[in-house]
Protein backbone atom coordinates (compact mmCIF):
# COMPACT_ATOMS: atom_id res chain seq x y z
CA MET A 1 49.92 11.79 9.21
CA ILE A 2 50.70 10.09 6.30
CA ARG A 3 54.67 9.36 4.61
CA GLU A 4 55.80 11.79 0.98
CA ASP A 5 56.42 7.66 -0.60
CA ILE A 6 52.74 6.87 0.37
CA SER A 7 50.99 10.08 -0.67
CA LYS A 8 53.27 10.53 -4.03
CA TYR A 9 51.89 6.46 -4.42
CA LEU A 10 47.84 7.92 -4.04
CA GLY A 11 48.19 10.74 -6.84
CA LEU A 12 50.48 8.09 -9.46
CA MET A 13 47.12 5.90 -8.73
CA ARG A 14 44.79 8.95 -9.56
CA ARG A 15 47.13 10.21 -12.23
CA SER A 16 46.30 6.55 -13.67
CA GLY A 17 43.30 6.78 -13.42
CA ASN A 18 43.39 3.30 -10.59
CA LEU A 19 41.40 5.47 -7.61
CA ILE A 20 38.21 5.70 -7.17
CA THR A 21 36.88 8.41 -4.71
CA GLY A 22 34.14 9.53 -2.83
CA GLN A 23 31.90 7.42 -0.55
CA GLU A 24 29.08 6.38 -2.34
CA LEU A 25 31.92 4.91 -5.47
CA VAL A 26 33.47 3.37 -2.91
CA ILE A 27 30.73 1.79 -1.72
CA SER A 28 29.41 0.25 -4.83
CA ALA A 29 32.93 -0.59 -5.59
CA ILE A 30 33.18 -2.46 -2.64
CA ARG A 31 29.41 -3.72 -3.02
CA SER A 32 30.58 -5.33 -6.76
CA GLN A 33 33.66 -6.61 -5.59
CA LYS A 34 36.04 -4.75 -8.15
CA ALA A 35 37.73 -2.47 -4.72
CA ARG A 36 41.40 -4.33 -3.95
CA LEU A 37 42.04 -1.77 -1.58
CA VAL A 38 40.34 0.83 0.69
CA LEU A 39 42.25 3.61 2.58
CA LEU A 40 39.64 5.32 4.59
CA THR A 41 40.52 8.52 7.20
CA GLU A 42 41.57 8.63 10.89
CA ASP A 43 38.95 11.49 10.72
CA THR A 44 36.11 9.89 9.08
CA GLY A 45 33.17 10.10 10.49
CA GLU A 46 31.92 7.01 13.21
CA SER A 47 29.05 5.81 10.98
CA SER A 48 30.70 6.72 7.92
CA LYS A 49 33.79 4.34 9.15
CA LYS A 50 31.73 1.62 10.64
CA LYS A 51 30.02 1.25 7.48
CA ILE A 52 32.85 0.83 5.06
CA ILE A 53 35.07 -1.13 7.53
CA ASP A 54 31.77 -3.67 7.89
CA LYS A 55 31.42 -3.81 4.07
CA CYS A 56 35.26 -4.67 3.51
CA ARG A 57 34.77 -6.98 6.39
CA PHE A 58 31.79 -8.75 4.90
CA TYR A 59 33.33 -8.74 0.87
CA ASP A 60 37.11 -9.63 2.68
CA ILE A 61 38.91 -6.78 1.07
CA PRO A 62 41.47 -5.25 2.99
CA VAL A 63 41.05 -1.91 4.67
CA VAL A 64 43.77 0.93 5.93
CA VAL A 65 42.51 3.09 8.36
CA MET A 66 45.69 6.21 8.55
CA GLY A 67 46.07 9.94 8.20
CA SER A 68 43.57 12.71 7.85
CA LYS A 69 41.16 14.19 5.70
CA ILE A 70 43.55 16.62 4.56
CA ASP A 71 46.67 14.60 3.92
CA ILE A 72 44.65 12.09 1.75
CA SER A 73 43.11 15.31 -0.58
CA ASN A 74 46.25 16.71 -0.47
CA ALA A 75 47.98 13.53 -2.08
CA ILE A 76 45.43 12.81 -4.89
CA GLY A 77 44.16 16.54 -5.28
CA GLN A 78 40.64 16.48 -4.44
CA SER A 79 38.53 16.93 -1.09
CA ARG A 80 38.15 12.83 -0.01
CA SER A 81 38.54 11.09 3.02
CA VAL A 82 38.07 7.28 1.87
CA VAL A 83 39.44 6.16 -1.22
CA ALA A 84 40.07 2.44 -3.09
CA THR A 85 41.69 1.04 -5.79
CA ASN A 86 39.84 -1.03 -8.25
CA ASN A 87 44.03 -2.72 -9.25
CA ASN A 88 45.76 -5.31 -7.64
CA GLY A 89 49.91 -4.31 -8.57
CA PHE A 90 48.56 -0.88 -6.68
CA ALA A 91 47.12 -2.36 -4.01
CA ARG A 92 49.65 -4.89 -3.16
CA GLY A 93 51.90 -2.28 -4.14
CA LEU A 94 50.47 0.61 -1.13
CA LEU A 95 50.55 -2.13 1.05
CA LYS A 96 54.12 -2.93 0.75
CA LYS A 97 54.71 0.56 1.10
CA LEU A 98 52.49 0.95 4.41
CA ASN A 99 54.18 -2.54 5.92
CA LYS A 100 57.79 -0.27 6.08
């Protein structure tokens, strides 16, 4: 379960156009080094989770594993298990909220 403030922040990121959703788009953003932070759900399939985490490590992009697909989907209004932001400010803001 993700906290309400994080859920609202993810919604804000989506509405502002700073959220990349879906596995293929997120992987593309990681490869092009446009992703600043990747958020992956705990219930993502093991092979997908490994693929995304390995790519993030290779390209030195922070990745956070938390919540469920339902939590993220409710927060952004789309059924997704992985999202990323391409905005440094939103990435820093989300990391601050996660470290509270």
